[in-house]
Amino acid sequence: MNSTQTLPNLGARIKALRTMKGMTQHELAFQCNFEKASMSRIEAGRTNITIRTLYKIAKALDTDLHVFFQNEPIQVAATA
C-alpha cells in the first residue's frame, strides 16, 4: 500500500466492517460521539484521523485496532 492510498484504504476497511455489522454511518457516528459528516469523511478517506479516533471506531465496531491494518480483504456478505 502506498502512502496516498493509506487513508482511502483505511476508510474502506471501516466501511466494510460497519456494513458487515449491519450498522449505518449514522449509528456508527453516534456510537463514537461523532457527527455523521465526520464519519462520512473518514470512510471516504478525506480526513486524517488520530489513533484515539480509530480506537473509538474499533470499540464501536467491537473489533481490534489491528484489523484496520491487515492485508487480507474483508468479506462483506452480499445483500439480497
PDB file of N, CA and C in Angstrom:
ATOM      1  N   MET A   1       0.851  -1.173   0.000  1.00  0.00           N
ATOM      2  CA  MET A   1       0.000   0.000   0.000  1.00  0.00           C
ATOM      3  C   MET A   1       0.895   1.234   0.000  1.00  0.00           C
ATOM      4  N   ASN A   2       0.650   2.166  -0.927  1.00  0.00           N
ATOM      5  CA  ASN A   2       1.442   3.383  -0.931  1.00  0.00           C
ATOM      6  C   ASN A   2       0.784   4.437  -0.037  1.00  0.00           C
ATOM      7  N   SER A   3       1.533   5.467   0.287  1.00  0.00           N
ATOM      8  CA  SER A   3       1.057   6.446   1.259  1.00  0.00           C
ATOM      9  C   SER A   3      -0.167   7.223   0.782  1.00  0.00           C
ATOM     10  N   THR A   4      -0.351   7.372  -0.514  1.00  0.00           N
ATOM     11  CA  THR A   4      -1.523   8.099  -1.000  1.00  0.00           C
ATOM     12  C   THR A   4      -2.808   7.284  -0.875  1.00  0.00           C
ATOM     13  N   GLN A   5      -2.664   5.992  -0.694  1.00  0.00           N
ATOM     14  CA  GLN A   5      -3.827   5.122  -0.556  1.00  0.00           C
ATOM     15  C   GLN A   5      -4.136   4.755   0.888  1.00  0.00           C
ATOM     16  N   THR A   6      -3.318   5.176   1.824  1.00  0.00           N
ATOM     17  CA  THR A   6      -3.491   4.774   3.222  1.00  0.00           C
ATOM     18  C   THR A   6      -4.854   5.166   3.767  1.00  0.00           C
ATOM     19  N   LEU A   7      -5.208   6.437   3.667  1.00  0.00           N
ATOM     20  CA  LEU A   7      -6.485   6.891   4.228  1.00  0.00           C
ATOM     21  C   LEU A   7      -7.696   6.329   3.483  1.00  0.00           C
ATOM     22  N   PRO A   8      -7.689   6.328   2.138  1.00  0.00           N
ATOM     23  CA  PRO A   8      -8.819   5.690   1.449  1.00  0.00           C
ATOM     24  C   PRO A   8      -8.966   4.204   1.779  1.00  0.00           C
ATOM     25  N   ASN A   9      -7.851   3.487   1.900  1.00  0.00           N
ATOM     26  CA  ASN A   9      -7.924   2.066   2.248  1.00  0.00           C
ATOM     27  C   ASN A   9      -8.447   1.871   3.672  1.00  0.00           C
ATOM     28  N   LEU A  10      -7.993   2.702   4.589  1.00  0.00           N
ATOM     29  CA  LEU A  10      -8.475   2.630   5.966  1.00  0.00           C
ATOM     30  C   LEU A  10      -9.971   2.912   6.008  1.00  0.00           C
ATOM     31  N   GLY A  11     -10.398   3.945   5.304  1.00  0.00           N
ATOM     32  CA  GLY A  11     -11.818   4.273   5.258  1.00  0.00           C
ATOM     33  C   GLY A  11     -12.652   3.149   4.681  1.00  0.00           C
ATOM     34  N   ALA A  12     -12.145   2.520   3.637  1.00  0.00           N
ATOM     35  CA  ALA A  12     -12.859   1.400   3.020  1.00  0.00           C
ATOM     36  C   ALA A  12     -12.981   0.231   3.991  1.00  0.00           C
ATOM     37  N   ARG A  13     -11.940  -0.006   4.777  1.00  0.00           N
ATOM     38  CA  ARG A  13     -11.986  -1.102   5.761  1.00  0.00           C
ATOM     39  C   ARG A  13     -13.010  -0.789   6.844  1.00  0.00           C
ATOM     40  N   ILE A  14     -13.040   0.461   7.287  1.00  0.00           N
ATOM     41  CA  ILE A  14     -14.023   0.862   8.295  1.00  0.00           C
ATOM     42  C   ILE A  14     -15.431   0.663   7.744  1.00  0.00           C
ATOM     43  N   LYS A  15     -15.646   1.114   6.518  1.00  0.00           N
ATOM     44  CA  LYS A  15     -16.970   0.969   5.900  1.00  0.00           C
ATOM     45  C   LYS A  15     -17.356  -0.502   5.756  1.00  0.00           C
ATOM     46  N   ALA A  16     -16.411  -1.333   5.326  1.00  0.00           N
ATOM     47  CA  ALA A  16     -16.694  -2.761   5.162  1.00  0.00           C
ATOM     48  C   ALA A  16     -17.060  -3.404   6.494  1.00  0.00           C
ATOM     49  N   LEU A  17     -16.318  -3.070   7.537  1.00  0.00           N
ATOM     50  CA  LEU A  17     -16.627  -3.627   8.860  1.00  0.00           C
ATOM     51  C   LEU A  17     -17.976  -3.133   9.352  1.00  0.00           C
ATOM     52  N   ARG A  18     -18.257  -1.852   9.145  1.00  0.00           N
ATOM     53  CA  ARG A  18     -19.546  -1.290   9.565  1.00  0.00           C
ATOM     54  C   ARG A  18     -20.687  -1.995   8.840  1.00  0.00           C
ATOM     55  N   THR A  19     -20.530  -2.182   7.537  1.00  0.00           N
ATOM     56  CA  THR A  19     -21.552  -2.849   6.736  1.00  0.00           C
ATOM     57  C   THR A  19     -21.743  -4.290   7.190  1.00  0.00           C
ATOM     58  N   MET A  20     -20.634  -4.956   7.466  1.00  0.00           N
ATOM     59  CA  MET A  20     -20.687  -6.334   7.942  1.00  0.00           C
ATOM     60  C   MET A  20     -21.451  -6.439   9.258  1.00  0.00           C
ATOM     61  N   LYS A  21     -21.332  -5.416  10.093  1.00  0.00           N
ATOM     62  CA  LYS A  21     -22.028  -5.405  11.392  1.00  0.00           C
ATOM     63  C   LYS A  21     -23.478  -4.938  11.253  1.00  0.00           C
ATOM     64  N   GLY A  22     -23.873  -4.531  10.044  1.00  0.00           N
ATOM     65  CA  GLY A  22     -25.247  -4.097   9.815  1.00  0.00           C
ATOM     66  C   GLY A  22     -25.547  -2.716  10.387  1.00  0.00           C
ATOM     67  N   MET A  23     -24.517  -1.876  10.486  1.00  0.00           N
ATOM     68  CA  MET A  23     -24.691  -0.541  11.048  1.00  0.00           C
ATOM     69  C   MET A  23     -24.736   0.499   9.932  1.00  0.00           C
ATOM     70  N   THR A  24     -25.483   1.568  10.165  1.00  0.00           N
ATOM     71  CA  THR A  24     -25.455   2.708   9.261  1.00  0.00           C
ATOM     72  C   THR A  24     -24.323   3.636   9.682  1.00  0.00           C
ATOM     73  N   GLN A  25     -23.971   4.556   8.802  1.00  0.00           N
ATOM     74  CA  GLN A  25     -22.969   5.568   9.167  1.00  0.00           C
ATOM     75  C   GLN A  25     -23.451   6.364  10.372  1.00  0.00           C
ATOM     76  N   HIS A  26     -24.724   6.685  10.373  1.00  0.00           N
ATOM     77  CA  HIS A  26     -25.282   7.464  11.479  1.00  0.00           C
ATOM     78  C   HIS A  26     -25.146   6.709  12.801  1.00  0.00           C
ATOM     79  N   GLU A  27     -25.439   5.420  12.791  1.00  0.00           N
ATOM     80  CA  GLU A  27     -25.323   4.613  14.014  1.00  0.00           C
ATOM     81  C   GLU A  27     -23.879   4.545  14.506  1.00  0.00           C
ATOM     82  N   LEU A  28     -22.953   4.325  13.592  1.00  0.00           N
ATOM     83  CA  LEU A  28     -21.544   4.254  13.990  1.00  0.00           C
ATOM     84  C   LEU A  28     -21.079   5.611  14.514  1.00  0.00           C
ATOM     85  N   ALA A  29     -21.444   6.673  13.830  1.00  0.00           N
ATOM     86  CA  ALA A  29     -21.070   8.014  14.281  1.00  0.00           C
ATOM     87  C   ALA A  29     -21.619   8.275  15.684  1.00  0.00           C
ATOM     88  N   PHE A  30     -22.856   7.890  15.921  1.00  0.00           N
ATOM     89  CA  PHE A  30     -23.469   8.079  17.234  1.00  0.00           C
ATOM     90  C   PHE A  30     -22.712   7.308  18.307  1.00  0.00           C
ATOM     91  N   GLN A  31     -22.361   6.056  18.012  1.00  0.00           N
ATOM     92  CA  GLN A  31     -21.614   5.223  18.960  1.00  0.00           C
ATOM     93  C   GLN A  31     -20.259   5.839  19.310  1.00  0.00           C
ATOM     94  N   CYS A  32     -19.669   6.552  18.346  1.00  0.00           N
ATOM     95  CA  CYS A  32     -18.346   7.154  18.538  1.00  0.00           C
ATOM     96  C   CYS A  32     -18.421   8.598  19.038  1.00  0.00           C
ATOM     97  N   ASN A  33     -19.634   9.128  19.129  1.00  0.00           N
ATOM     98  CA  ASN A  33     -19.855  10.519  19.519  1.00  0.00           C
ATOM     99  C   ASN A  33     -19.263  11.481  18.478  1.00  0.00           C
ATOM    100  N   PHE A  34     -19.465  11.143  17.196  1.00  0.00           N
ATOM    101  CA  PHE A  34     -19.039  11.967  16.073  1.00  0.00           C
ATOM    102  C   PHE A  34     -20.277  12.467  15.344  1.00  0.00           C
ATOM    103  N   GLU A  35     -20.081  13.478  14.520  1.00  0.00           N
ATOM    104  CA  GLU A  35     -21.107  13.896  13.563  1.00  0.00           C
ATOM    105  C   GLU A  35     -21.095  12.895  12.409  1.00  0.00           C
ATOM    106  N   LYS A  36     -22.260  12.673  11.797  1.00  0.00           N
ATOM    107  CA  LYS A  36     -22.320  11.761  10.664  1.00  0.00           C
ATOM    108  C   LYS A  36     -21.414  12.236   9.534  1.00  0.00           C
ATOM    109  N   ALA A  37     -21.336  13.550   9.327  1.00  0.00           N
ATOM    110  CA  ALA A  37     -20.477  14.094   8.274  1.00  0.00           C
ATOM    111  C   ALA A  37     -19.013  13.726   8.514  1.00  0.00           C
ATOM    112  N   SER A  38     -18.601  13.699   9.754  1.00  0.00           N
ATOM    113  CA  SER A  38     -17.225  13.301  10.081  1.00  0.00           C
ATOM    114  C   SER A  38     -16.991  11.839   9.714  1.00  0.00           C
ATOM    115  N   MET A  39     -17.961  10.993  10.024  1.00  0.00           N
ATOM    116  CA  MET A  39     -17.838   9.568   9.696  1.00  0.00           C
ATOM    117  C   MET A  39     -17.793   9.385   8.179  1.00  0.00           C
ATOM    118  N   SER A  40     -18.571  10.165   7.477  1.00  0.00           N
ATOM    119  CA  SER A  40     -18.565  10.102   6.019  1.00  0.00           C
ATOM    120  C   SER A  40     -17.183  10.463   5.466  1.00  0.00           C
ATOM    121  N   ARG A  41     -16.573  11.507   5.993  1.00  0.00           N
ATOM    122  CA  ARG A  41     -15.229  11.908   5.539  1.00  0.00           C
ATOM    123  C   ARG A  41     -14.191  10.848   5.881  1.00  0.00           C
ATOM    124  N   ILE A  42     -14.317  10.225   7.051  1.00  0.00           N
ATOM    125  CA  ILE A  42     -13.385   9.170   7.457  1.00  0.00           C
ATOM    126  C   ILE A  42     -13.489   7.991   6.495  1.00  0.00           C
ATOM    127  N   GLU A  43     -14.711   7.532   6.222  1.00  0.00           N
ATOM    128  CA  GLU A  43     -14.897   6.392   5.333  1.00  0.00           C
ATOM    129  C   GLU A  43     -14.462   6.696   3.904  1.00  0.00           C
ATOM    130  N   ALA A  44     -14.559   7.953   3.495  1.00  0.00           N
ATOM    131  CA  ALA A  44     -14.143   8.339   2.146  1.00  0.00           C
ATOM    132  C   ALA A  44     -12.636   8.556   2.062  1.00  0.00           C
ATOM    133  N   GLY A  45     -11.949   8.521   3.208  1.00  0.00           N
ATOM    134  CA  GLY A  45     -10.505   8.721   3.215  1.00  0.00           C
ATOM    135  C   GLY A  45     -10.107  10.161   2.981  1.00  0.00           C
ATOM    136  N   ARG A  46     -11.009  11.088   3.318  1.00  0.00           N
ATOM    137  CA  ARG A  46     -10.740  12.501   3.073  1.00  0.00           C
ATOM    138  C   ARG A  46     -10.248  13.244   4.305  1.00  0.00           C
ATOM    139  N   THR A  47     -10.032  12.523   5.405  1.00  0.00           N
ATOM    140  CA  THR A  47      -9.551  13.175   6.621  1.00  0.00           C
ATOM    141  C   THR A  47      -8.556  12.266   7.321  1.00  0.00           C
ATOM    142  N   ASN A  48      -7.539  12.879   7.884  1.00  0.00           N
ATOM    143  CA  ASN A  48      -6.535  12.141   8.633  1.00  0.00           C
ATOM    144  C   ASN A  48      -7.033  12.006  10.072  1.00  0.00           C
ATOM    145  N   ILE A  49      -7.131  10.794  10.564  1.00  0.00           N
ATOM    146  CA  ILE A  49      -7.686  10.593  11.897  1.00  0.00           C
ATOM    147  C   ILE A  49      -6.590  10.219  12.891  1.00  0.00           C
ATOM    148  N   THR A  50      -6.872  10.472  14.158  1.00  0.00           N
ATOM    149  CA  THR A  50      -5.930  10.146  15.219  1.00  0.00           C
ATOM    150  C   THR A  50      -6.119   8.690  15.641  1.00  0.00           C
ATOM    151  N   ILE A  51      -5.164   8.191  16.358  1.00  0.00           N
ATOM    152  CA  ILE A  51      -5.279   6.830  16.895  1.00  0.00           C
ATOM    153  C   ILE A  51      -6.433   6.761  17.890  1.00  0.00           C
ATOM    154  N   ARG A  52      -6.682   7.828  18.597  1.00  0.00           N
ATOM    155  CA  ARG A  52      -7.811   7.873  19.545  1.00  0.00           C
ATOM    156  C   ARG A  52      -9.142   7.725  18.798  1.00  0.00           C
ATOM    157  N   THR A  53      -9.257   8.407  17.664  1.00  0.00           N
ATOM    158  CA  THR A  53     -10.465   8.291  16.844  1.00  0.00           C
ATOM    159  C   THR A  53     -10.610   6.872  16.320  1.00  0.00           C
ATOM    160  N   LEU A  54      -9.521   6.305  15.851  1.00  0.00           N
ATOM    161  CA  LEU A  54      -9.552   4.941  15.341  1.00  0.00           C
ATOM    162  C   LEU A  54      -9.919   3.954  16.448  1.00  0.00           C
ATOM    163  N   TYR A  55      -9.436   4.202  17.653  1.00  0.00           N
ATOM    164  CA  TYR A  55      -9.784   3.341  18.789  1.00  0.00           C
ATOM    165  C   TYR A  55     -11.285   3.404  19.069  1.00  0.00           C
ATOM    166  N   LYS A  56     -11.868   4.604  19.024  1.00  0.00           N
ATOM    167  CA  LYS A  56     -13.316   4.743  19.255  1.00  0.00           C
ATOM    168  C   LYS A  56     -14.103   3.960  18.205  1.00  0.00           C
ATOM    169  N   ILE A  57     -13.652   4.037  16.965  1.00  0.00           N
ATOM    170  CA  ILE A  57     -14.326   3.307  15.889  1.00  0.00           C
ATOM    171  C   ILE A  57     -14.201   1.807  16.109  1.00  0.00           C
ATOM    172  N   ALA A  58     -13.009   1.347  16.453  1.00  0.00           N
ATOM    173  CA  ALA A  58     -12.797  -0.084  16.708  1.00  0.00           C
ATOM    174  C   ALA A  58     -13.684  -0.567  17.849  1.00  0.00           C
ATOM    175  N   LYS A  59     -13.761   0.219  18.905  1.00  0.00           N
ATOM    176  CA  LYS A  59     -14.595  -0.165  20.049  1.00  0.00           C
ATOM    177  C   LYS A  59     -16.069  -0.240  19.644  1.00  0.00           C
ATOM    178  N   ALA A  60     -16.533   0.750  18.876  1.00  0.00           N
ATOM    179  CA  ALA A  60     -17.932   0.759  18.436  1.00  0.00           C
ATOM    180  C   ALA A  60     -18.236  -0.415  17.507  1.00  0.00           C
ATOM    181  N   LEU A  61     -17.236  -0.845  16.731  1.00  0.00           N
ATOM    182  CA  LEU A  61     -17.404  -1.980  15.827  1.00  0.00           C
ATOM    183  C   LEU A  61     -17.076  -3.311  16.498  1.00  0.00           C
ATOM    184  N   ASP A  62     -16.721  -3.258  17.776  1.00  0.00           N
ATOM    185  CA  ASP A  62     -16.381  -4.452  18.545  1.00  0.00           C
ATOM    186  C   ASP A  62     -15.278  -5.259  17.857  1.00  0.00           C
ATOM    187  N   THR A  63     -14.186  -4.558  17.523  1.00  0.00           N
ATOM    188  CA  THR A  63     -13.049  -5.194  16.869  1.00  0.00           C
ATOM    189  C   THR A  63     -11.756  -4.624  17.440  1.00  0.00           C
ATOM    190  N   ASP A  64     -10.642  -5.202  17.040  1.00  0.00           N
ATOM    191  CA  ASP A  64      -9.331  -4.735  17.477  1.00  0.00           C
ATOM    192  C   ASP A  64      -8.731  -3.786  16.442  1.00  0.00           C
ATOM    193  N   LEU A  65      -7.857  -2.914  16.898  1.00  0.00           N
ATOM    194  CA  LEU A  65      -7.221  -1.949  16.007  1.00  0.00           C
ATOM    195  C   LEU A  65      -6.469  -2.609  14.856  1.00  0.00           C
ATOM    196  N   HIS A  66      -5.834  -3.737  15.119  1.00  0.00           N
ATOM    197  CA  HIS A  66      -5.010  -4.361  14.077  1.00  0.00           C
ATOM    198  C   HIS A  66      -5.822  -4.771  12.853  1.00  0.00           C
ATOM    199  N   VAL A  67      -7.117  -4.971  12.999  1.00  0.00           N
ATOM    200  CA  VAL A  67      -7.971  -5.371  11.875  1.00  0.00           C
ATOM    201  C   VAL A  67      -7.961  -4.308  10.773  1.00  0.00           C
ATOM    202  N   PHE A  68      -7.799  -3.052  11.168  1.00  0.00           N
ATOM    203  CA  PHE A  68      -7.794  -1.968  10.186  1.00  0.00           C
ATOM    204  C   PHE A  68      -6.540  -1.976   9.311  1.00  0.00           C
ATOM    205  N   PHE A  69      -5.506  -2.677   9.741  1.00  0.00           N
ATOM    206  CA  PHE A  69      -4.225  -2.635   9.036  1.00  0.00           C
ATOM    207  C   PHE A  69      -3.824  -3.965   8.423  1.00  0.00           C
ATOM    208  N   GLN A  70      -4.693  -4.949   8.442  1.00  0.00           N
ATOM    209  CA  GLN A  70      -4.393  -6.243   7.843  1.00  0.00           C
ATOM    210  C   GLN A  70      -4.454  -6.140   6.329  1.00  0.00           C
ATOM    211  N   ASN A  71      -3.723  -7.010   5.672  1.00  0.00           N
ATOM    212  CA  ASN A  71      -3.709  -7.018   4.211  1.00  0.00           C
ATOM    213  C   ASN A  71      -4.852  -7.822   3.605  1.00  0.00           C
ATOM    214  N   GLU A  72      -5.426  -8.728   4.369  1.00  0.00           N
ATOM    215  CA  GLU A  72      -6.491  -9.566   3.836  1.00  0.00           C
ATOM    216  C   GLU A  72      -7.746  -8.726   3.618  1.00  0.00           C
ATOM    217  N   PRO A  73      -8.448  -8.980   2.515  1.00  0.00           N
ATOM    218  CA  PRO A  73      -9.690  -8.253   2.280  1.00  0.00           C
ATOM    219  C   PRO A  73     -10.760  -8.663   3.281  1.00  0.00           C
ATOM    220  N   ILE A  74     -11.635  -7.746   3.575  1.00  0.00           N
ATOM    221  CA  ILE A  74     -12.760  -8.023   4.468  1.00  0.00           C
ATOM    222  C   ILE A  74     -13.896  -8.534   3.590  1.00  0.00           C
ATOM    223  N   GLN A  75     -14.447  -9.673   3.954  1.00  0.00           N
ATOM    224  CA  GLN A  75     -15.525 -10.272   3.191  1.00  0.00           C
ATOM    225  C   GLN A  75     -16.845  -9.718   3.698  1.00  0.00           C
ATOM    226  N   VAL A  76     -17.533  -8.992   2.844  1.00  0.00           N
ATOM    227  CA  VAL A  76     -18.835  -8.436   3.187  1.00  0.00           C
ATOM    228  C   VAL A  76     -19.882  -9.295   2.505  1.00  0.00           C
ATOM    229  N   ALA A  77     -20.830  -9.777   3.298  1.00  0.00           N
ATOM    230  CA  ALA A  77     -21.890 -10.613   2.742  1.00  0.00           C
ATOM    231  C   ALA A  77     -22.754  -9.791   1.796  1.00  0.00           C
ATOM    232  N   ALA A  78     -23.107 -10.390   0.691  1.00  0.00           N
ATOM    233  CA  ALA A  78     -23.984  -9.719  -0.278  1.00  0.00           C
ATOM    234  C   ALA A  78     -25.396  -9.644   0.274  1.00  0.00           C
ATOM    235  N   THR A  79     -26.060  -8.542   0.005  1.00  0.00           N
ATOM    236  CA  THR A  79     -27.437  -8.390   0.462  1.00  0.00           C
ATOM    237  C   THR A  79     -28.372  -8.790  -0.667  1.00  0.00           C
ATOM    238  N   ALA A  80     -29.491  -9.345  -0.294  1.00  0.00           N
ATOM    239  CA  ALA A  80     -30.452  -9.837  -1.291  1.00  0.00           C
ATOM    240  C   ALA A  80     -31.350  -8.747  -1.791  1.00  0.00           C
TER     241      ALA A  80
END
